[in-house]
Amino acid sequence: MADITGQAVSVQFLTDAGWQDIGEVSDDIVYCDGAGDGGIDIVVANDTVQNLLFRNRGDGTFEDVGAPAGIAFDVEGNARGAMG
């Protein structure tokens, strides 16, 4: 279960959400209702690797939808990092 009351998302949450550590350096984390459905979604802005968008499924789980949302990769398939 995610604890989104602090300034950072716990490693346990990311593991539970199915995210695997691929060595990225996260620059920032934003909590928002990006889907407009009342659930808190999580955006992770990374340095030189793809950004992540975890959509709240409303049942205690999250789905990484960064690629279909267009924030993970550009049109040429390159990782879309938030820095540089």
C-alpha atoms as a PDB file:
ATOM      1  CA  MET A   1       0.000   0.000   0.000  1.00  0.00           C
ATOM      2  CA  ALA A   2       1.252   3.477  -0.784  1.00  0.00           C
ATOM      3  CA  ASP A   3       1.904   6.100   1.831  1.00  0.00           C
ATOM      4  CA  ILE A   4       1.491   9.321  -0.106  1.00  0.00           C
ATOM      5  CA  THR A   5       1.331  11.629   2.885  1.00  0.00           C
ATOM      6  CA  GLY A   6       5.059  12.472   2.808  1.00  0.00           C
ATOM      7  CA  GLN A   7       7.356  14.084   0.292  1.00  0.00           C
ATOM      8  CA  ALA A   8       8.530  10.850  -1.330  1.00  0.00           C
ATOM      9  CA  VAL A   9       7.020   7.595  -2.526  1.00  0.00           C
ATOM     10  CA  SER A  10       8.401   4.670  -0.587  1.00  0.00           C
ATOM     11  CA  VAL A  11      10.442   1.991  -2.305  1.00  0.00           C
ATOM     12  CA  GLN A  12       7.915  -0.555  -1.003  1.00  0.00           C
ATOM     13  CA  PHE A  13       5.114   1.239  -2.848  1.00  0.00           C
ATOM     14  CA  LEU A  14       7.057   1.234  -6.095  1.00  0.00           C
ATOM     15  CA  THR A  15       7.846  -2.458  -5.679  1.00  0.00           C
ATOM     16  CA  ASP A  16       4.207  -3.256  -4.884  1.00  0.00           C
ATOM     17  CA  ALA A  17       3.124  -1.287  -7.967  1.00  0.00           C
ATOM     18  CA  GLY A  18       5.266  -3.523 -10.167  1.00  0.00           C
ATOM     19  CA  TRP A  19       8.012  -0.983 -10.839  1.00  0.00           C
ATOM     20  CA  GLN A  20      11.492  -2.421 -11.157  1.00  0.00           C
ATOM     21  CA  ASP A  21      14.607  -0.458 -10.296  1.00  0.00           C
ATOM     22  CA  ILE A  22      16.459   0.221 -13.533  1.00  0.00           C
ATOM     23  CA  GLY A  23      18.912   2.638 -11.962  1.00  0.00           C
ATOM     24  CA  GLU A  24      17.061   5.885 -12.511  1.00  0.00           C
ATOM     25  CA  VAL A  25      17.549   8.987 -10.484  1.00  0.00           C
ATOM     26  CA  SER A  26      14.253  10.623  -9.657  1.00  0.00           C
ATOM     27  CA  ASP A  27      14.154  14.406  -9.682  1.00  0.00           C
ATOM     28  CA  ASP A  28      10.665  14.981  -8.331  1.00  0.00           C
ATOM     29  CA  ILE A  29       7.383  13.313  -7.480  1.00  0.00           C
ATOM     30  CA  VAL A  30       3.991  14.924  -8.028  1.00  0.00           C
ATOM     31  CA  TYR A  31       0.666  13.720  -6.672  1.00  0.00           C
ATOM     32  CA  CYS A  32      -2.315  14.734  -8.787  1.00  0.00           C
ATOM     33  CA  ASP A  33      -5.618  13.565 -10.190  1.00  0.00           C
ATOM     34  CA  GLY A  34      -4.359  13.341 -13.760  1.00  0.00           C
ATOM     35  CA  ALA A  35      -7.178  11.057 -14.875  1.00  0.00           C
ATOM     36  CA  GLY A  36      -9.883  13.315 -13.442  1.00  0.00           C
ATOM     37  CA  ASP A  37     -11.529  10.389 -11.667  1.00  0.00           C
ATOM     38  CA  GLY A  38     -10.988  11.490  -8.058  1.00  0.00           C
ATOM     39  CA  GLY A  39      -8.047   9.131  -7.443  1.00  0.00           C
ATOM     40  CA  ILE A  40      -4.564  10.376  -6.608  1.00  0.00           C
ATOM     41  CA  ASP A  41      -2.141   9.507  -9.435  1.00  0.00           C
ATOM     42  CA  ILE A  42       1.648   9.718  -9.096  1.00  0.00           C
ATOM     43  CA  VAL A  43       4.082  11.241 -11.589  1.00  0.00           C
ATOM     44  CA  VAL A  44       7.792  10.492 -11.143  1.00  0.00           C
ATOM     45  CA  ALA A  45      10.098  12.842 -13.049  1.00  0.00           C
ATOM     46  CA  ASN A  46      13.404  11.093 -13.711  1.00  0.00           C
ATOM     47  CA  ASP A  47      16.791  12.364 -14.767  1.00  0.00           C
ATOM     48  CA  THR A  48      18.026  10.554 -17.876  1.00  0.00           C
ATOM     49  CA  VAL A  49      15.542   7.694 -18.172  1.00  0.00           C
ATOM     50  CA  GLN A  50      11.815   7.606 -18.872  1.00  0.00           C
ATOM     51  CA  ASN A  51       9.401   9.468 -16.625  1.00  0.00           C
ATOM     52  CA  LEU A  52       6.743   7.387 -14.889  1.00  0.00           C
ATOM     53  CA  LEU A  53       3.020   7.940 -14.440  1.00  0.00           C
ATOM     54  CA  PHE A  54       1.212   5.666 -12.006  1.00  0.00           C
ATOM     55  CA  ARG A  55      -2.560   5.792 -12.540  1.00  0.00           C
ATOM     56  CA  ASN A  56      -4.615   5.024  -9.466  1.00  0.00           C
ATOM     57  CA  ARG A  57      -6.928   2.116 -10.318  1.00  0.00           C
ATOM     58  CA  GLY A  58      -9.197   2.962  -7.384  1.00  0.00           C
ATOM     59  CA  ASP A  59      -8.726  -0.434  -5.747  1.00  0.00           C
ATOM     60  CA  GLY A  60      -5.464   0.172  -3.885  1.00  0.00           C
ATOM     61  CA  THR A  61      -3.278  -0.594  -6.890  1.00  0.00           C
ATOM     62  CA  PHE A  62      -1.567   1.544  -9.502  1.00  0.00           C
ATOM     63  CA  GLU A  63      -0.732   1.015 -13.175  1.00  0.00           C
ATOM     64  CA  ASP A  64       2.275   2.571 -14.940  1.00  0.00           C
ATOM     65  CA  VAL A  65       0.756   4.409 -17.913  1.00  0.00           C
ATOM     66  CA  GLY A  66       3.680   6.736 -18.665  1.00  0.00           C
ATOM     67  CA  ALA A  67       4.255   5.364 -22.178  1.00  0.00           C
ATOM     68  CA  PRO A  68       0.664   5.620 -23.444  1.00  0.00           C
ATOM     69  CA  ALA A  69       0.338   9.048 -21.793  1.00  0.00           C
ATOM     70  CA  GLY A  70       3.349  10.293 -23.750  1.00  0.00           C
ATOM     71  CA  ILE A  71       5.575  11.236 -20.818  1.00  0.00           C
ATOM     72  CA  ALA A  72       7.888   8.190 -20.849  1.00  0.00           C
ATOM     73  CA  PHE A  73       9.223   8.175 -24.425  1.00  0.00           C
ATOM     74  CA  ASP A  74       9.313  10.606 -27.325  1.00  0.00           C
ATOM     75  CA  VAL A  75       7.990   9.766 -30.814  1.00  0.00           C
ATOM     76  CA  GLU A  76      11.323   8.189 -31.746  1.00  0.00           C
ATOM     77  CA  GLY A  77      11.282   5.862 -28.742  1.00  0.00           C
ATOM     78  CA  ASN A  78      13.935   7.714 -26.733  1.00  0.00           C
ATOM     79  CA  ALA A  79      13.469   7.969 -22.981  1.00  0.00           C
ATOM     80  CA  ARG A  80      11.886  11.257 -22.081  1.00  0.00           C
ATOM     81  CA  GLY A  81      13.711  12.365 -18.931  1.00  0.00           C
ATOM     82  CA  ALA A  82      12.791  15.508 -17.063  1.00  0.00           C
ATOM     83  CA  MET A  83      16.289  16.947 -16.952  1.00  0.00           C
ATOM     84  CA  GLY A  84      18.430  18.379 -19.687  1.00  0.00           C
END
